[in-house]
Structure formats: C-alpha cells, structure tokens
Amino acid sequence: MLSCVTVLKHASLLGCAQHAERLSASRLVLVGSDEWARGTVSVKDLALRDQKEMSVEQLLALVPQPSRS
C-alpha cells in the first residue's frame, strides 16, 4: 500500500522526520527551494537513515504501479 502525507509549511527537517516516523513512514521526500531549482528531490530512507538526491523521474520509478486486471 502506498500513502502520502503532504506538509506544505516551513517546518524544520527534524520536525518533518519526527512526524514521518510517528506515521510509520518508510521514506521522507523533501523538496526545498534548492531541490526545486535543480528539479530534484531528496529521499530519506527512515529505516536505513540514508538520504539521496534524485530527479523526479527517478522518484516516480520507485512508486509501485497499480496492476491492471
């Protein structure tokens, strides 16, 4: 199952990460002004504590596609 929570406000990175962990999220996708200017996003794996920057296209490739039955 894929779900998404959007926070559209100026919040601290720590606050966003804590909110995502309270929701038992597996990943946190961050789009700050620097990423927006480059056309990228930062994706943080909350279990591994690993963060990578990638293009929006790379992010979309990670999203499971619904099966067509």
C-alpha atoms as a PDB file:
ATOM      1  CA  MET A   1       0.000   0.000   0.000  1.00  0.00           C
ATOM      2  CA  LEU A   2       1.221   3.469  -0.860  1.00  0.00           C
ATOM      3  CA  SER A   3       0.140   6.526   1.066  1.00  0.00           C
ATOM      4  CA  CYS A   4       1.267  10.112   1.058  1.00  0.00           C
ATOM      5  CA  VAL A   5       1.106  12.916   3.592  1.00  0.00           C
ATOM      6  CA  THR A   6       1.944  16.402   2.395  1.00  0.00           C
ATOM      7  CA  VAL A   7       3.256  19.123   4.673  1.00  0.00           C
ATOM      8  CA  LEU A   8       3.118  22.488   2.954  1.00  0.00           C
ATOM      9  CA  LYS A   9       4.671  24.775   5.511  1.00  0.00           C
ATOM     10  CA  HIS A  10       8.012  25.943   6.707  1.00  0.00           C
ATOM     11  CA  ALA A  11       8.935  23.236   9.193  1.00  0.00           C
ATOM     12  CA  SER A  12      12.261  22.038  10.477  1.00  0.00           C
ATOM     13  CA  LEU A  13      13.782  18.963   8.904  1.00  0.00           C
ATOM     14  CA  LEU A  14      13.807  17.310  12.312  1.00  0.00           C
ATOM     15  CA  GLY A  15      10.116  18.090  12.805  1.00  0.00           C
ATOM     16  CA  CYS A  16       9.239  16.596   9.402  1.00  0.00           C
ATOM     17  CA  ALA A  17      11.304  13.472  10.110  1.00  0.00           C
ATOM     18  CA  GLN A  18       9.677  13.011  13.527  1.00  0.00           C
ATOM     19  CA  HIS A  19       6.216  13.421  12.004  1.00  0.00           C
ATOM     20  CA  ALA A  20       7.006  10.832   9.317  1.00  0.00           C
ATOM     21  CA  GLU A  21       8.300   8.389  11.940  1.00  0.00           C
ATOM     22  CA  ARG A  22       5.131   8.831  14.033  1.00  0.00           C
ATOM     23  CA  LEU A  23       3.191   7.829  10.928  1.00  0.00           C
ATOM     24  CA  SER A  24       5.448   4.761  10.448  1.00  0.00           C
ATOM     25  CA  ALA A  25       6.546   6.069   7.061  1.00  0.00           C
ATOM     26  CA  SER A  26       9.323   4.220   5.287  1.00  0.00           C
ATOM     27  CA  ARG A  27      10.566   7.254   3.354  1.00  0.00           C
ATOM     28  CA  LEU A  28      10.537  11.008   3.601  1.00  0.00           C
ATOM     29  CA  VAL A  29      10.609  13.052   0.389  1.00  0.00           C
ATOM     30  CA  LEU A  30      11.896  16.588   0.782  1.00  0.00           C
ATOM     31  CA  VAL A  31      11.562  19.368  -1.761  1.00  0.00           C
ATOM     32  CA  GLY A  32      13.256  22.542  -0.614  1.00  0.00           C
ATOM     33  CA  SER A  33      13.987  25.634  -2.659  1.00  0.00           C
ATOM     34  CA  ASP A  34      17.422  24.323  -3.697  1.00  0.00           C
ATOM     35  CA  GLU A  35      15.995  20.985  -4.866  1.00  0.00           C
ATOM     36  CA  TRP A  36      13.130  22.761  -6.630  1.00  0.00           C
ATOM     37  CA  ALA A  37      15.598  24.933  -8.559  1.00  0.00           C
ATOM     38  CA  ARG A  38      17.540  21.829  -9.682  1.00  0.00           C
ATOM     39  CA  GLY A  39      14.419  19.776 -10.491  1.00  0.00           C
ATOM     40  CA  THR A  40      15.326  17.174  -7.863  1.00  0.00           C
ATOM     41  CA  VAL A  41      14.039  15.806  -4.560  1.00  0.00           C
ATOM     42  CA  SER A  42      15.812  14.415  -1.511  1.00  0.00           C
ATOM     43  CA  VAL A  43      14.575  10.977  -0.438  1.00  0.00           C
ATOM     44  CA  LYS A  44      15.421   9.807   3.069  1.00  0.00           C
ATOM     45  CA  ASP A  45      15.045   6.128   3.938  1.00  0.00           C
ATOM     46  CA  LEU A  46      13.930   6.324   7.555  1.00  0.00           C
ATOM     47  CA  ALA A  47      14.914   2.741   8.400  1.00  0.00           C
ATOM     48  CA  LEU A  48      18.438   2.978   6.997  1.00  0.00           C
ATOM     49  CA  ARG A  49      18.910   6.676   7.815  1.00  0.00           C
ATOM     50  CA  ASP A  50      20.216   7.096   4.277  1.00  0.00           C
ATOM     51  CA  GLN A  51      19.435  10.131   2.121  1.00  0.00           C
ATOM     52  CA  LYS A  52      19.825  10.501  -1.641  1.00  0.00           C
ATOM     53  CA  GLU A  53      19.072  13.250  -4.097  1.00  0.00           C
ATOM     54  CA  MET A  54      17.344  12.165  -7.292  1.00  0.00           C
ATOM     55  CA  SER A  55      15.338  13.507 -10.175  1.00  0.00           C
ATOM     56  CA  VAL A  56      11.557  13.474 -10.028  1.00  0.00           C
ATOM     57  CA  GLU A  57      11.610  10.822 -12.771  1.00  0.00           C
ATOM     58  CA  GLN A  58      13.812   8.571 -10.612  1.00  0.00           C
ATOM     59  CA  LEU A  59      11.432   9.050  -7.689  1.00  0.00           C
ATOM     60  CA  LEU A  60       8.424   8.121  -9.816  1.00  0.00           C
ATOM     61  CA  ALA A  61      10.198   4.934 -10.895  1.00  0.00           C
ATOM     62  CA  LEU A  62      10.227   3.870  -7.213  1.00  0.00           C
ATOM     63  CA  VAL A  63       6.447   4.178  -6.914  1.00  0.00           C
ATOM     64  CA  PRO A  64       4.665   0.853  -7.449  1.00  0.00           C
ATOM     65  CA  GLN A  65       2.273   0.915 -10.366  1.00  0.00           C
ATOM     66  CA  PRO A  66      -1.249  -0.461  -9.860  1.00  0.00           C
ATOM     67  CA  SER A  67      -1.912  -3.791 -11.520  1.00  0.00           C
ATOM     68  CA  ARG A  68      -4.346  -3.753 -14.394  1.00  0.00           C
ATOM     69  CA  SER A  69      -6.680  -6.684 -14.080  1.00  0.00           C
END
